[in-house]
Amino acid sequence: QVQLVESGGGLVQSGESLRLSCATSDLTFSDYTMGWFRQAPGKEREFVAAITFSGAITHYADSVKGRFTISRDNAQNKVYLWMNSLKPEDTSVYYCAASYLNSLYLALSNNYDYWGQGTQVTVSS
């Protein structure tokens, strides 16, 4: 059974950093584009960042560009989200997701096949 498990969330102050991790199991990790999405209370889920299955292409939401970095370790079957200069508006539950051999429309949540349970990130001002 495919599992995606996020970790690394927590409570930080504005301007601080966090690294989120997503460990996967029971899928051929190198065949999957990996994405991070987030959802704040009362808001729709939104795209944050994605990295293609080859790692050749990364894509970011404008709101996080220049502050967040997505990376993957195909040997460890993990994807990471490095979050710097965090702002209160980054407060959300962050989800990782996997999309089979997807290299287009990386920001569309409907293109993702598997999802994790999420990890809470709270940024205080």
PDB file of N, CA and C in Angstrom:
ATOM      1  N   GLN A   1       0.849  -1.190   0.000  1.00  0.00           N
ATOM      2  CA  GLN A   1       0.000   0.000   0.000  1.00  0.00           C
ATOM      3  C   GLN A   1       0.885   1.241   0.000  1.00  0.00           C
ATOM      4  N   VAL A   2       0.631   2.134  -0.962  1.00  0.00           N
ATOM      5  CA  VAL A   2       1.436   3.344  -1.077  1.00  0.00           C
ATOM      6  C   VAL A   2       1.196   4.243   0.136  1.00  0.00           C
ATOM      7  N   GLN A   3       2.289   4.740   0.687  1.00  0.00           N
ATOM      8  CA  GLN A   3       2.195   5.674   1.811  1.00  0.00           C
ATOM      9  C   GLN A   3       3.118   6.848   1.584  1.00  0.00           C
ATOM     10  N   LEU A   4       2.616   8.023   1.920  1.00  0.00           N
ATOM     11  CA  LEU A   4       3.411   9.241   1.932  1.00  0.00           C
ATOM     12  C   LEU A   4       3.266   9.813   3.346  1.00  0.00           C
ATOM     13  N   VAL A   5       4.398  10.029   4.001  1.00  0.00           N
ATOM     14  CA  VAL A   5       4.361  10.493   5.386  1.00  0.00           C
ATOM     15  C   VAL A   5       5.207  11.748   5.521  1.00  0.00           C
ATOM     16  N   GLU A   6       4.537  12.849   5.832  1.00  0.00           N
ATOM     17  CA  GLU A   6       5.227  14.122   6.009  1.00  0.00           C
ATOM     18  C   GLU A   6       5.733  14.267   7.444  1.00  0.00           C
ATOM     19  N   SER A   7       6.806  15.013   7.581  1.00  0.00           N
ATOM     20  CA  SER A   7       7.330  15.342   8.905  1.00  0.00           C
ATOM     21  C   SER A   7       8.070  16.668   8.819  1.00  0.00           C
ATOM     22  N   GLY A   8       8.370  17.234   9.988  1.00  0.00           N
ATOM     23  CA  GLY A   8       9.161  18.449  10.026  1.00  0.00           C
ATOM     24  C   GLY A   8       8.397  19.721  10.304  1.00  0.00           C
ATOM     25  N   GLY A   9       7.081  19.619  10.387  1.00  0.00           N
ATOM     26  CA  GLY A   9       6.299  20.807  10.686  1.00  0.00           C
ATOM     27  C   GLY A   9       6.497  21.246  12.123  1.00  0.00           C
ATOM     28  N   GLY A  10       5.970  22.422  12.445  1.00  0.00           N
ATOM     29  CA  GLY A  10       6.085  22.921  13.799  1.00  0.00           C
ATOM     30  C   GLY A  10       5.716  24.377  13.891  1.00  0.00           C
ATOM     31  N   LEU A  11       6.018  24.952  15.047  1.00  0.00           N
ATOM     32  CA  LEU A  11       5.746  26.355  15.318  1.00  0.00           C
ATOM     33  C   LEU A  11       7.057  27.129  15.274  1.00  0.00           C
ATOM     34  N   VAL A  12       7.112  28.140  14.420  1.00  0.00           N
ATOM     35  CA  VAL A  12       8.296  28.983  14.313  1.00  0.00           C
ATOM     36  C   VAL A  12       7.866  30.445  14.286  1.00  0.00           C
ATOM     37  N   GLN A  13       8.847  31.313  14.447  1.00  0.00           N
ATOM     38  CA  GLN A  13       8.569  32.743  14.365  1.00  0.00           C
ATOM     39  C   GLN A  13       8.813  33.237  12.944  1.00  0.00           C
ATOM     40  N   SER A  14       8.217  34.340  12.647  1.00  0.00           N
ATOM     41  CA  SER A  14       8.390  34.959  11.341  1.00  0.00           C
ATOM     42  C   SER A  14       9.876  35.170  11.052  1.00  0.00           C
ATOM     43  N   GLY A  15      10.276  34.807   9.838  1.00  0.00           N
ATOM     44  CA  GLY A  15      11.663  34.941   9.425  1.00  0.00           C
ATOM     45  C   GLY A  15      12.505  33.694   9.627  1.00  0.00           C
ATOM     46  N   GLU A  16      11.999  32.759  10.381  1.00  0.00           N
ATOM     47  CA  GLU A  16      12.751  31.523  10.631  1.00  0.00           C
ATOM     48  C   GLU A  16      12.549  30.517   9.491  1.00  0.00           C
ATOM     49  N   SER A  17      13.195  29.363   9.654  1.00  0.00           N
ATOM     50  CA  SER A  17      13.197  28.350   8.600  1.00  0.00           C
ATOM     51  C   SER A  17      12.716  27.006   9.135  1.00  0.00           C
ATOM     52  N   LEU A  18      12.228  26.199   8.219  1.00  0.00           N
ATOM     53  CA  LEU A  18      11.862  24.819   8.499  1.00  0.00           C
ATOM     54  C   LEU A  18      12.187  23.972   7.290  1.00  0.00           C
ATOM     55  N   ARG A  19      12.429  22.687   7.528  1.00  0.00           N
ATOM     56  CA  ARG A  19      12.559  21.744   6.432  1.00  0.00           C
ATOM     57  C   ARG A  19      11.513  20.656   6.623  1.00  0.00           C
ATOM     58  N   LEU A  20      10.662  20.522   5.640  1.00  0.00           N
ATOM     59  CA  LEU A  20       9.689  19.443   5.631  1.00  0.00           C
ATOM     60  C   LEU A  20      10.254  18.258   4.853  1.00  0.00           C
ATOM     61  N   SER A  21       9.916  17.069   5.316  1.00  0.00           N
ATOM     62  CA  SER A  21      10.313  15.847   4.624  1.00  0.00           C
ATOM     63  C   SER A  21       9.069  15.029   4.313  1.00  0.00           C
ATOM     64  N   CYS A  22       9.152  14.275   3.247  1.00  0.00           N
ATOM     65  CA  CYS A  22       8.073  13.350   2.889  1.00  0.00           C
ATOM     66  C   CYS A  22       8.718  12.025   2.511  1.00  0.00           C
ATOM     67  N   ALA A  23       8.448  11.031   3.318  1.00  0.00           N
ATOM     68  CA  ALA A  23       8.959   9.687   3.052  1.00  0.00           C
ATOM     69  C   ALA A  23       7.884   8.879   2.346  1.00  0.00           C
ATOM     70  N   THR A  24       8.299   8.151   1.316  1.00  0.00           N
ATOM     71  CA  THR A  24       7.332   7.362   0.548  1.00  0.00           C
ATOM     72  C   THR A  24       7.661   5.885   0.646  1.00  0.00           C
ATOM     73  N   SER A  25       6.657   5.071   0.432  1.00  0.00           N
ATOM     74  CA  SER A  25       6.865   3.633   0.424  1.00  0.00           C
ATOM     75  C   SER A  25       5.898   2.989  -0.553  1.00  0.00           C
ATOM     76  N   ASP A  26       6.331   1.844  -1.088  1.00  0.00           N
ATOM     77  CA  ASP A  26       5.515   1.043  -1.997  1.00  0.00           C
ATOM     78  C   ASP A  26       5.155   1.758  -3.295  1.00  0.00           C
ATOM     79  N   LEU A  27       6.040   2.625  -3.764  1.00  0.00           N
ATOM     80  CA  LEU A  27       5.919   3.118  -5.127  1.00  0.00           C
ATOM     81  C   LEU A  27       7.326   3.268  -5.695  1.00  0.00           C
ATOM     82  N   THR A  28       7.409   3.228  -7.002  1.00  0.00           N
ATOM     83  CA  THR A  28       8.701   3.413  -7.669  1.00  0.00           C
ATOM     84  C   THR A  28       8.959   4.905  -7.696  1.00  0.00           C
ATOM     85  N   PHE A  29       9.663   5.375  -6.687  1.00  0.00           N
ATOM     86  CA  PHE A  29       9.763   6.808  -6.418  1.00  0.00           C
ATOM     87  C   PHE A  29      10.273   7.581  -7.633  1.00  0.00           C
ATOM     88  N   SER A  30      11.224   7.022  -8.353  1.00  0.00           N
ATOM     89  CA  SER A  30      11.831   7.726  -9.491  1.00  0.00           C
ATOM     90  C   SER A  30      10.861   7.884 -10.665  1.00  0.00           C
ATOM     91  N   ASP A  31       9.689   7.248 -10.599  1.00  0.00           N
ATOM     92  CA  ASP A  31       8.668   7.408 -11.636  1.00  0.00           C
ATOM     93  C   ASP A  31       7.660   8.508 -11.312  1.00  0.00           C
ATOM     94  N   TYR A  32       7.807   9.121 -10.150  1.00  0.00           N
ATOM     95  CA  TYR A  32       6.785  10.048  -9.681  1.00  0.00           C
ATOM     96  C   TYR A  32       7.305  11.464  -9.524  1.00  0.00           C
ATOM     97  N   THR A  33       6.581  12.378 -10.138  1.00  0.00           N
ATOM     98  CA  THR A  33       6.732  13.786  -9.815  1.00  0.00           C
ATOM     99  C   THR A  33       6.172  14.002  -8.420  1.00  0.00           C
ATOM    100  N   MET A  34       6.884  14.786  -7.629  1.00  0.00           N
ATOM    101  CA  MET A  34       6.460  15.032  -6.253  1.00  0.00           C
ATOM    102  C   MET A  34       6.100  16.500  -6.076  1.00  0.00           C
ATOM    103  N   GLY A  35       5.024  16.719  -5.362  1.00  0.00           N
ATOM    104  CA  GLY A  35       4.582  18.095  -5.131  1.00  0.00           C
ATOM    105  C   GLY A  35       4.296  18.344  -3.666  1.00  0.00           C
ATOM    106  N   TRP A  36       4.319  19.605  -3.309  1.00  0.00           N
ATOM    107  CA  TRP A  36       3.878  20.069  -1.996  1.00  0.00           C
ATOM    108  C   TRP A  36       2.711  21.031  -2.209  1.00  0.00           C
ATOM    109  N   PHE A  37       1.690  20.810  -1.426  1.00  0.00           N
ATOM    110  CA  PHE A  37       0.520  21.673  -1.412  1.00  0.00           C
ATOM    111  C   PHE A  37       0.277  22.088   0.028  1.00  0.00           C
ATOM    112  N   ARG A  38      -0.558  23.111   0.204  1.00  0.00           N
ATOM    113  CA  ARG A  38      -0.893  23.522   1.565  1.00  0.00           C
ATOM    114  C   ARG A  38      -2.343  23.980   1.617  1.00  0.00           C
ATOM    115  N   GLN A  39      -2.889  23.889   2.807  1.00  0.00           N
ATOM    116  CA  GLN A  39      -4.268  24.309   3.005  1.00  0.00           C
ATOM    117  C   GLN A  39      -4.402  24.954   4.370  1.00  0.00           C
ATOM    118  N   ALA A  40      -4.834  26.201   4.365  1.00  0.00           N
ATOM    119  CA  ALA A  40      -5.093  26.937   5.603  1.00  0.00           C
ATOM    120  C   ALA A  40      -6.569  26.807   5.956  1.00  0.00           C
ATOM    121  N   PRO A  41      -6.904  26.991   7.214  1.00  0.00           N
ATOM    122  CA  PRO A  41      -8.308  26.872   7.630  1.00  0.00           C
ATOM    123  C   PRO A  41      -9.214  27.801   6.831  1.00  0.00           C
ATOM    124  N   GLY A  42     -10.297  27.250   6.307  1.00  0.00           N
ATOM    125  CA  GLY A  42     -11.256  28.043   5.563  1.00  0.00           C
ATOM    126  C   GLY A  42     -10.841  28.386   4.148  1.00  0.00           C
ATOM    127  N   LYS A  43      -9.692  27.851   3.711  1.00  0.00           N
ATOM    128  CA  LYS A  43      -9.213  28.145   2.362  1.00  0.00           C
ATOM    129  C   LYS A  43      -9.068  26.863   1.560  1.00  0.00           C
ATOM    130  N   GLU A  44      -9.010  27.029   0.249  1.00  0.00           N
ATOM    131  CA  GLU A  44      -8.804  25.882  -0.616  1.00  0.00           C
ATOM    132  C   GLU A  44      -7.343  25.448  -0.592  1.00  0.00           C
ATOM    133  N   ARG A  45      -7.127  24.182  -0.910  1.00  0.00           N
ATOM    134  CA  ARG A  45      -5.768  23.688  -1.021  1.00  0.00           C
ATOM    135  C   ARG A  45      -5.063  24.394  -2.170  1.00  0.00           C
ATOM    136  N   GLU A  46      -3.826  24.784  -1.943  1.00  0.00           N
ATOM    137  CA  GLU A  46      -3.087  25.494  -2.978  1.00  0.00           C
ATOM    138  C   GLU A  46      -1.721  24.856  -3.219  1.00  0.00           C
ATOM    139  N   PHE A  47      -1.282  24.994  -4.442  1.00  0.00           N
ATOM    140  CA  PHE A  47       0.014  24.484  -4.861  1.00  0.00           C
ATOM    141  C   PHE A  47       1.134  25.296  -4.224  1.00  0.00           C
ATOM    142  N   VAL A  48       2.203  24.601  -3.834  1.00  0.00           N
ATOM    143  CA  VAL A  48       3.385  25.261  -3.286  1.00  0.00           C
ATOM    144  C   VAL A  48       4.596  25.056  -4.192  1.00  0.00           C
ATOM    145  N   ALA A  49       4.931  23.799  -4.455  1.00  0.00           N
ATOM    146  CA  ALA A  49       6.131  23.498  -5.234  1.00  0.00           C
ATOM    147  C   ALA A  49       6.046  22.083  -5.767  1.00  0.00           C
ATOM    148  N   ALA A  50       6.783  21.819  -6.843  1.00  0.00           N
ATOM    149  CA  ALA A  50       6.834  20.477  -7.402  1.00  0.00           C
ATOM    150  C   ALA A  50       8.189  20.239  -8.038  1.00  0.00           C
ATOM    151  N   ILE A  51       8.565  18.981  -8.105  1.00  0.00           N
ATOM    152  CA  ILE A  51       9.797  18.572  -8.770  1.00  0.00           C
ATOM    153  C   ILE A  51       9.473  17.341  -9.593  1.00  0.00           C
ATOM    154  N   THR A  52       9.886  17.347 -10.853  1.00  0.00           N
ATOM    155  CA  THR A  52       9.547  16.232 -11.728  1.00  0.00           C
ATOM    156  C   THR A  52      10.280  14.964 -11.324  1.00  0.00           C
ATOM    157  N   PHE A  53       9.820  13.845 -11.874  1.00  0.00           N
ATOM    158  CA  PHE A  53      10.356  12.539 -11.503  1.00  0.00           C
ATOM    159  C   PHE A  53      11.860  12.448 -11.767  1.00  0.00           C
ATOM    160  N   SER A  54      12.336  13.167 -12.776  1.00  0.00           N
ATOM    161  CA  SER A  54      13.768  13.154 -13.084  1.00  0.00           C
ATOM    162  C   SER A  54      14.535  14.148 -12.230  1.00  0.00           C
ATOM    163  N   GLY A  55      13.814  15.048 -11.606  1.00  0.00           N
ATOM    164  CA  GLY A  55      14.467  16.109 -10.855  1.00  0.00           C
ATOM    165  C   GLY A  55      14.927  17.271 -11.713  1.00  0.00           C
ATOM    166  N   ALA A  56      14.661  17.188 -13.010  1.00  0.00           N
ATOM    167  CA  ALA A  56      15.187  18.202 -13.927  1.00  0.00           C
ATOM    168  C   ALA A  56      14.420  19.513 -13.856  1.00  0.00           C
ATOM    169  N   ILE A  57      13.158  19.423 -13.478  1.00  0.00           N
ATOM    170  CA  ILE A  57      12.302  20.613 -13.486  1.00  0.00           C
ATOM    171  C   ILE A  57      11.709  20.825 -12.104  1.00  0.00           C
ATOM    172  N   THR A  58      11.783  22.058 -11.648  1.00  0.00           N
ATOM    173  CA  THR A  58      11.076  22.452 -10.428  1.00  0.00           C
ATOM    174  C   THR A  58      10.138  23.610 -10.759  1.00  0.00           C
ATOM    175  N   HIS A  59       9.103  23.711  -9.977  1.00  0.00           N
ATOM    176  CA  HIS A  59       8.086  24.740 -10.228  1.00  0.00           C
ATOM    177  C   HIS A  59       7.576  25.225  -8.881  1.00  0.00           C
ATOM    178  N   TYR A  60       7.397  26.532  -8.755  1.00  0.00           N
ATOM    179  CA  TYR A  60       6.993  27.105  -7.488  1.00  0.00           C
ATOM    180  C   TYR A  60       5.819  28.052  -7.660  1.00  0.00           C
ATOM    181  N   ALA A  61       5.024  28.123  -6.615  1.00  0.00           N
ATOM    182  CA  ALA A  61       4.002  29.169  -6.570  1.00  0.00           C
ATOM    183  C   ALA A  61       4.703  30.515  -6.412  1.00  0.00           C
ATOM    184  N   ASP A  62       4.131  31.543  -6.980  1.00  0.00           N
ATOM    185  CA  ASP A  62       4.741  32.868  -6.888  1.00  0.00           C
ATOM    186  C   ASP A  62       4.923  33.303  -5.438  1.00  0.00           C
ATOM    187  N   SER A  63       4.021  32.884  -4.588  1.00  0.00           N
ATOM    188  CA  SER A  63       4.054  33.320  -3.190  1.00  0.00           C
ATOM    189  C   SER A  63       5.248  32.775  -2.413  1.00  0.00           C
ATOM    190  N   VAL A  64       5.883  31.722  -2.922  1.00  0.00           N
ATOM    191  CA  VAL A  64       7.010  31.121  -2.196  1.00  0.00           C
ATOM    192  C   VAL A  64       8.306  31.175  -2.989  1.00  0.00           C
ATOM    193  N   LYS A  65       8.243  31.629  -4.213  1.00  0.00           N
ATOM    194  CA  LYS A  65       9.424  31.656  -5.074  1.00  0.00           C
ATOM    195  C   LYS A  65      10.514  32.511  -4.432  1.00  0.00           C
ATOM    196  N   GLY A  66      11.718  31.945  -4.389  1.00  0.00           N
ATOM    197  CA  GLY A  66      12.837  32.649  -3.779  1.00  0.00           C
ATOM    198  C   GLY A  66      12.989  32.396  -2.292  1.00  0.00           C
ATOM    199  N   ARG A  67      11.971  31.799  -1.670  1.00  0.00           N
ATOM    200  CA  ARG A  67      12.046  31.495  -0.228  1.00  0.00           C
ATOM    201  C   ARG A  67      12.036  29.989   0.025  1.00  0.00           C
ATOM    202  N   PHE A  68      11.325  29.243  -0.806  1.00  0.00           N
ATOM    203  CA  PHE A  68      11.210  27.794  -0.631  1.00  0.00           C
ATOM    204  C   PHE A  68      12.000  27.077  -1.713  1.00  0.00           C
ATOM    205  N   THR A  69      12.525  25.914  -1.368  1.00  0.00           N
ATOM    206  CA  THR A  69      13.246  25.076  -2.326  1.00  0.00           C
ATOM    207  C   THR A  69      12.792  23.632  -2.158  1.00  0.00           C
ATOM    208  N   ILE A  70      12.433  23.028  -3.272  1.00  0.00           N
ATOM    209  CA  ILE A  70      12.061  21.614  -3.251  1.00  0.00           C
ATOM    210  C   ILE A  70      13.225  20.793  -3.780  1.00  0.00           C
ATOM    211  N   SER A  71      13.442  19.642  -3.171  1.00  0.00           N
ATOM    212  CA  SER A  71      14.491  18.738  -3.641  1.00  0.00           C
ATOM    213  C   SER A  71      14.034  17.308  -3.391  1.00  0.00           C
ATOM    214  N   ARG A  72      14.716  16.389  -4.041  1.00  0.00           N
ATOM    215  CA  ARG A  72      14.366  14.979  -3.863  1.00  0.00           C
ATOM    216  C   ARG A  72      15.620  14.139  -3.770  1.00  0.00           C
ATOM    217  N   ASP A  73      15.487  13.028  -3.073  1.00  0.00           N
ATOM    218  CA  ASP A  73      16.568  12.060  -2.946  1.00  0.00           C
ATOM    219  C   ASP A  73      15.995  10.726  -3.401  1.00  0.00           C
ATOM    220  N   ASN A  74      16.287  10.356  -4.626  1.00  0.00           N
ATOM    221  CA  ASN A  74      15.711   9.128  -5.175  1.00  0.00           C
ATOM    222  C   ASN A  74      16.265   7.876  -4.503  1.00  0.00           C
ATOM    223  N   ALA A  75      17.436   7.976  -3.929  1.00  0.00           N
ATOM    224  CA  ALA A  75      17.996   6.822  -3.222  1.00  0.00           C
ATOM    225  C   ALA A  75      17.269   6.573  -1.907  1.00  0.00           C
ATOM    226  N   GLN A  76      16.781   7.657  -1.295  1.00  0.00           N
ATOM    227  CA  GLN A  76      16.091   7.560  -0.016  1.00  0.00           C
ATOM    228  C   GLN A  76      14.576   7.568  -0.162  1.00  0.00           C
ATOM    229  N   ASN A  77      14.096   7.747  -1.401  1.00  0.00           N
ATOM    230  CA  ASN A  77      12.648   7.834  -1.655  1.00  0.00           C
ATOM    231  C   ASN A  77      11.997   8.948  -0.847  1.00  0.00           C
ATOM    232  N   LYS A  78      12.656  10.087  -0.823  1.00  0.00           N
ATOM    233  CA  LYS A  78      12.152  11.211  -0.043  1.00  0.00           C
ATOM    234  C   LYS A  78      12.153  12.493  -0.873  1.00  0.00           C
ATOM    235  N   VAL A  79      11.245  13.354  -0.511  1.00  0.00           N
ATOM    236  CA  VAL A  79      11.218  14.696  -1.076  1.00  0.00           C
ATOM    237  C   VAL A  79      11.225  15.678   0.078  1.00  0.00           C
ATOM    238  N   TYR A  80      11.855  16.817  -0.161  1.00  0.00           N
ATOM    239  CA  TYR A  80      12.025  17.809   0.890  1.00  0.00           C
ATOM    240  C   TYR A  80      11.483  19.150   0.427  1.00  0.00           C
ATOM    241  N   LEU A  81      11.087  19.948   1.405  1.00  0.00           N
ATOM    242  CA  LEU A  81      10.718  21.334   1.145  1.00  0.00           C
ATOM    243  C   LEU A  81      11.453  22.190   2.172  1.00  0.00           C
ATOM    244  N   TRP A  82      12.420  22.951   1.669  1.00  0.00           N
ATOM    245  CA  TRP A  82      13.182  23.853   2.506  1.00  0.00           C
ATOM    246  C   TRP A  82      12.476  25.201   2.487  1.00  0.00           C
ATOM    247  N   MET A  83      12.075  25.654   3.662  1.00  0.00           N
ATOM    248  CA  MET A  83      11.288  26.880   3.762  1.00  0.00           C
ATOM    249  C   MET A  83      12.063  27.918   4.561  1.00  0.00           C
ATOM    250  N   ASN A  84      12.438  28.984   3.902  1.00  0.00           N
ATOM    251  CA  ASN A  84      13.174  30.066   4.545  1.00  0.00           C
ATOM    252  C   ASN A  84      12.312  31.320   4.600  1.00  0.00           C
ATOM    253  N   SER A  85      12.716  32.244   5.461  1.00  0.00           N
ATOM    254  CA  SER A  85      12.024  33.536   5.580  1.00  0.00           C
ATOM    255  C   SER A  85      10.522  33.341   5.714  1.00  0.00           C
ATOM    256  N   LEU A  86      10.143  32.470   6.612  1.00  0.00           N
ATOM    257  CA  LEU A  86       8.729  32.147   6.762  1.00  0.00           C
ATOM    258  C   LEU A  86       7.924  33.347   7.240  1.00  0.00           C
ATOM    259  N   LYS A  87       6.699  33.405   6.751  1.00  0.00           N
ATOM    260  CA  LYS A  87       5.787  34.493   7.073  1.00  0.00           C
ATOM    261  C   LYS A  87       4.527  33.916   7.726  1.00  0.00           C
ATOM    262  N   PRO A  88       3.825  34.716   8.482  1.00  0.00           N
ATOM    263  CA  PRO A  88       2.571  34.219   9.083  1.00  0.00           C
ATOM    264  C   PRO A  88       1.598  33.655   8.047  1.00  0.00           C
ATOM    265  N   GLU A  89       1.594  34.225   6.853  1.00  0.00           N
ATOM    266  CA  GLU A  89       0.683  33.725   5.817  1.00  0.00           C
ATOM    267  C   GLU A  89       1.087  32.366   5.259  1.00  0.00           C
ATOM    268  N   ASP A  90       2.245  31.863   5.662  1.00  0.00           N
ATOM    269  CA  ASP A  90       2.640  30.498   5.288  1.00  0.00           C
ATOM    270  C   ASP A  90       2.022  29.454   6.221  1.00  0.00           C
ATOM    271  N   THR A  91       1.359  29.903   7.261  1.00  0.00           N
ATOM    272  CA  THR A  91       0.723  28.985   8.198  1.00  0.00           C
ATOM    273  C   THR A  91      -0.330  28.149   7.491  1.00  0.00           C
ATOM    274  N   SER A  92      -0.153  26.834   7.515  1.00  0.00           N
ATOM    275  CA  SER A  92      -1.052  25.907   6.816  1.00  0.00           C
ATOM    276  C   SER A  92      -0.714  24.485   7.232  1.00  0.00           C
ATOM    277  N   VAL A  93      -1.559  23.577   6.819  1.00  0.00           N
ATOM    278  CA  VAL A  93      -1.182  22.165   6.792  1.00  0.00           C
ATOM    279  C   VAL A  93      -0.538  21.913   5.437  1.00  0.00           C
ATOM    280  N   TYR A  94       0.637  21.321   5.468  1.00  0.00           N
ATOM    281  CA  TYR A  94       1.387  21.059   4.238  1.00  0.00           C
ATOM    282  C   TYR A  94       1.290  19.582   3.891  1.00  0.00           C
ATOM    283  N   TYR A  95       0.974  19.317   2.630  1.00  0.00           N
ATOM    284  CA  TYR A  95       0.795  17.959   2.139  1.00  0.00           C
ATOM    285  C   TYR A  95       1.785  17.670   1.026  1.00  0.00           C
ATOM    286  N   CYS A  96       2.351  16.480   1.036  1.00  0.00           N
ATOM    287  CA  CYS A  96       3.098  16.052  -0.138  1.00  0.00           C
ATOM    288  C   CYS A  96       2.212  15.133  -0.971  1.00  0.00           C
ATOM    289  N   ALA A  97       2.517  15.082  -2.252  1.00  0.00           N
ATOM    290  CA  ALA A  97       1.708  14.316  -3.186  1.00  0.00           C
ATOM    291  C   ALA A  97       2.587  13.770  -4.291  1.00  0.00           C
ATOM    292  N   ALA A  98       2.137  12.666  -4.891  1.00  0.00           N
ATOM    293  CA  ALA A  98       2.900  11.994  -5.933  1.00  0.00           C
ATOM    294  C   ALA A  98       2.071  11.862  -7.202  1.00  0.00           C
ATOM    295  N   SER A  99       2.693  12.140  -8.334  1.00  0.00           N
ATOM    296  CA  SER A  99       2.024  12.127  -9.623  1.00  0.00           C
ATOM    297  C   SER A  99       2.847  11.310 -10.606  1.00  0.00           C
ATOM    298  N   TYR A 100       2.240  10.247 -11.147  1.00  0.00           N
ATOM    299  CA  TYR A 100       2.988   9.306 -11.981  1.00  0.00           C
ATOM    300  C   TYR A 100       3.411   9.917 -13.304  1.00  0.00           C
ATOM    301  N   LEU A 101       4.731   9.949 -13.535  1.00  0.00           N
ATOM    302  CA  LEU A 101       5.347  10.384 -14.797  1.00  0.00           C
ATOM    303  C   LEU A 101       4.767  11.701 -15.318  1.00  0.00           C
ATOM    304  N   ASN A 102       4.474  12.586 -14.412  1.00  0.00           N
ATOM    305  CA  ASN A 102       3.878  13.861 -14.798  1.00  0.00           C
ATOM    306  C   ASN A 102       4.964  14.904 -14.997  1.00  0.00           C
ATOM    307  N   SER A 103       4.979  15.552 -16.157  1.00  0.00           N
ATOM    308  CA  SER A 103       5.929  16.644 -16.371  1.00  0.00           C
ATOM    309  C   SER A 103       5.233  17.925 -16.822  1.00  0.00           C
ATOM    310  N   LEU A 104       3.909  17.903 -16.819  1.00  0.00           N
ATOM    311  CA  LEU A 104       3.114  19.066 -17.198  1.00  0.00           C
ATOM    312  C   LEU A 104       2.085  19.349 -16.123  1.00  0.00           C
ATOM    313  N   TYR A 105       1.620  20.554 -16.056  1.00  0.00           N
ATOM    314  CA  TYR A 105       0.540  20.932 -15.148  1.00  0.00           C
ATOM    315  C   TYR A 105       0.849  20.499 -13.721  1.00  0.00           C
ATOM    316  N   LEU A 106       2.036  20.836 -13.290  1.00  0.00           N
ATOM    317  CA  LEU A 106       2.520  20.378 -11.996  1.00  0.00           C
ATOM    318  C   LEU A 106       1.743  20.977 -10.846  1.00  0.00           C
ATOM    319  N   ALA A 107       1.087  22.093 -11.087  1.00  0.00           N
ATOM    320  CA  ALA A 107       0.381  22.785 -10.018  1.00  0.00           C
ATOM    321  C   ALA A 107      -1.048  22.309  -9.828  1.00  0.00           C
ATOM    322  N   LEU A 108      -1.504  21.409 -10.669  1.00  0.00           N
ATOM    323  CA  LEU A 108      -2.894  20.953 -10.600  1.00  0.00           C
ATOM    324  C   LEU A 108      -3.009  19.756  -9.660  1.00  0.00           C
ATOM    325  N   SER A 109      -3.739  19.923  -8.586  1.00  0.00           N
ATOM    326  CA  SER A 109      -3.843  18.856  -7.594  1.00  0.00           C
ATOM    327  C   SER A 109      -4.523  17.618  -8.164  1.00  0.00           C
ATOM    328  N   ASN A 110      -5.395  17.798  -9.149  1.00  0.00           N
ATOM    329  CA  ASN A 110      -6.076  16.639  -9.743  1.00  0.00           C
ATOM    330  C   ASN A 110      -5.126  15.697 -10.462  1.00  0.00           C
ATOM    331  N   ASN A 111      -3.928  16.172 -10.797  1.00  0.00           N
ATOM    332  CA  ASN A 111      -2.948  15.334 -11.485  1.00  0.00           C
ATOM    333  C   ASN A 111      -2.161  14.430 -10.549  1.00  0.00           C
ATOM    334  N   TYR A 112      -2.399  14.554  -9.250  1.00  0.00           N
ATOM    335  CA  TYR A 112      -1.634  13.787  -8.272  1.00  0.00           C
ATOM    336  C   TYR A 112      -2.415  12.567  -7.829  1.00  0.00           C
ATOM    337  N   ASP A 113      -1.702  11.458  -7.741  1.00  0.00           N
ATOM    338  CA  ASP A 113      -2.342  10.172  -7.494  1.00  0.00           C
ATOM    339  C   ASP A 113      -2.397   9.796  -6.019  1.00  0.00           C
ATOM    340  N   TYR A 114      -1.381  10.196  -5.285  1.00  0.00           N
ATOM    341  CA  TYR A 114      -1.288   9.817  -3.871  1.00  0.00           C
ATOM    342  C   TYR A 114      -0.977  11.042  -3.029  1.00  0.00           C
ATOM    343  N   TRP A 115      -1.510  11.036  -1.812  1.00  0.00           N
ATOM    344  CA  TRP A 115      -1.357  12.156  -0.900  1.00  0.00           C
ATOM    345  C   TRP A 115      -0.985  11.677   0.493  1.00  0.00           C
ATOM    346  N   GLY A 116      -0.219  12.504   1.179  1.00  0.00           N
ATOM    347  CA  GLY A 116       0.064  12.249   2.574  1.00  0.00           C
ATOM    348  C   GLY A 116      -1.013  12.827   3.475  1.00  0.00           C
ATOM    349  N   GLN A 117      -0.825  12.654   4.764  1.00  0.00           N
ATOM    350  CA  GLN A 117      -1.799  13.109   5.755  1.00  0.00           C
ATOM    351  C   GLN A 117      -1.596  14.566   6.153  1.00  0.00           C
ATOM    352  N   GLY A 118      -0.447  15.100   5.864  1.00  0.00           N
ATOM    353  CA  GLY A 118      -0.195  16.502   6.144  1.00  0.00           C
ATOM    354  C   GLY A 118       0.583  16.731   7.434  1.00  0.00           C
ATOM    355  N   THR A 119       1.266  17.864   7.470  1.00  0.00           N
ATOM    356  CA  THR A 119       1.987  18.288   8.667  1.00  0.00           C
ATOM    357  C   THR A 119       1.729  19.781   8.870  1.00  0.00           C
ATOM    358  N   GLN A 120       1.484  20.164  10.101  1.00  0.00           N
ATOM    359  CA  GLN A 120       1.106  21.541  10.404  1.00  0.00           C
ATOM    360  C   GLN A 120       2.338  22.426  10.507  1.00  0.00           C
ATOM    361  N   VAL A 121       2.278  23.551   9.823  1.00  0.00           N
ATOM    362  CA  VAL A 121       3.290  24.599   9.955  1.00  0.00           C
ATOM    363  C   VAL A 121       2.590  25.857  10.449  1.00  0.00           C
ATOM    364  N   THR A 122       3.077  26.380  11.556  1.00  0.00           N
ATOM    365  CA  THR A 122       2.515  27.595  12.123  1.00  0.00           C
ATOM    366  C   THR A 122       3.621  28.620  12.287  1.00  0.00           C
ATOM    367  N   VAL A 123       3.399  29.801  11.712  1.00  0.00           N
ATOM    368  CA  VAL A 123       4.383  30.873  11.771  1.00  0.00           C
ATOM    369  C   VAL A 123       3.774  32.028  12.553  1.00  0.00           C
ATOM    370  N   SER A 124       4.388  32.353  13.658  1.00  0.00           N
ATOM    371  CA  SER A 124       3.891  33.446  14.489  1.00  0.00           C
ATOM    372  C   SER A 124       4.583  34.744  14.120  1.00  0.00           C
ATOM    373  N   SER A 125       3.869  35.831  14.295  1.00  0.00           N
ATOM    374  CA  SER A 125       4.430  37.145  13.925  1.00  0.00           C
ATOM    375  C   SER A 125       5.190  37.768  15.074  1.00  0.00           C
TER     376      SER A 125
END
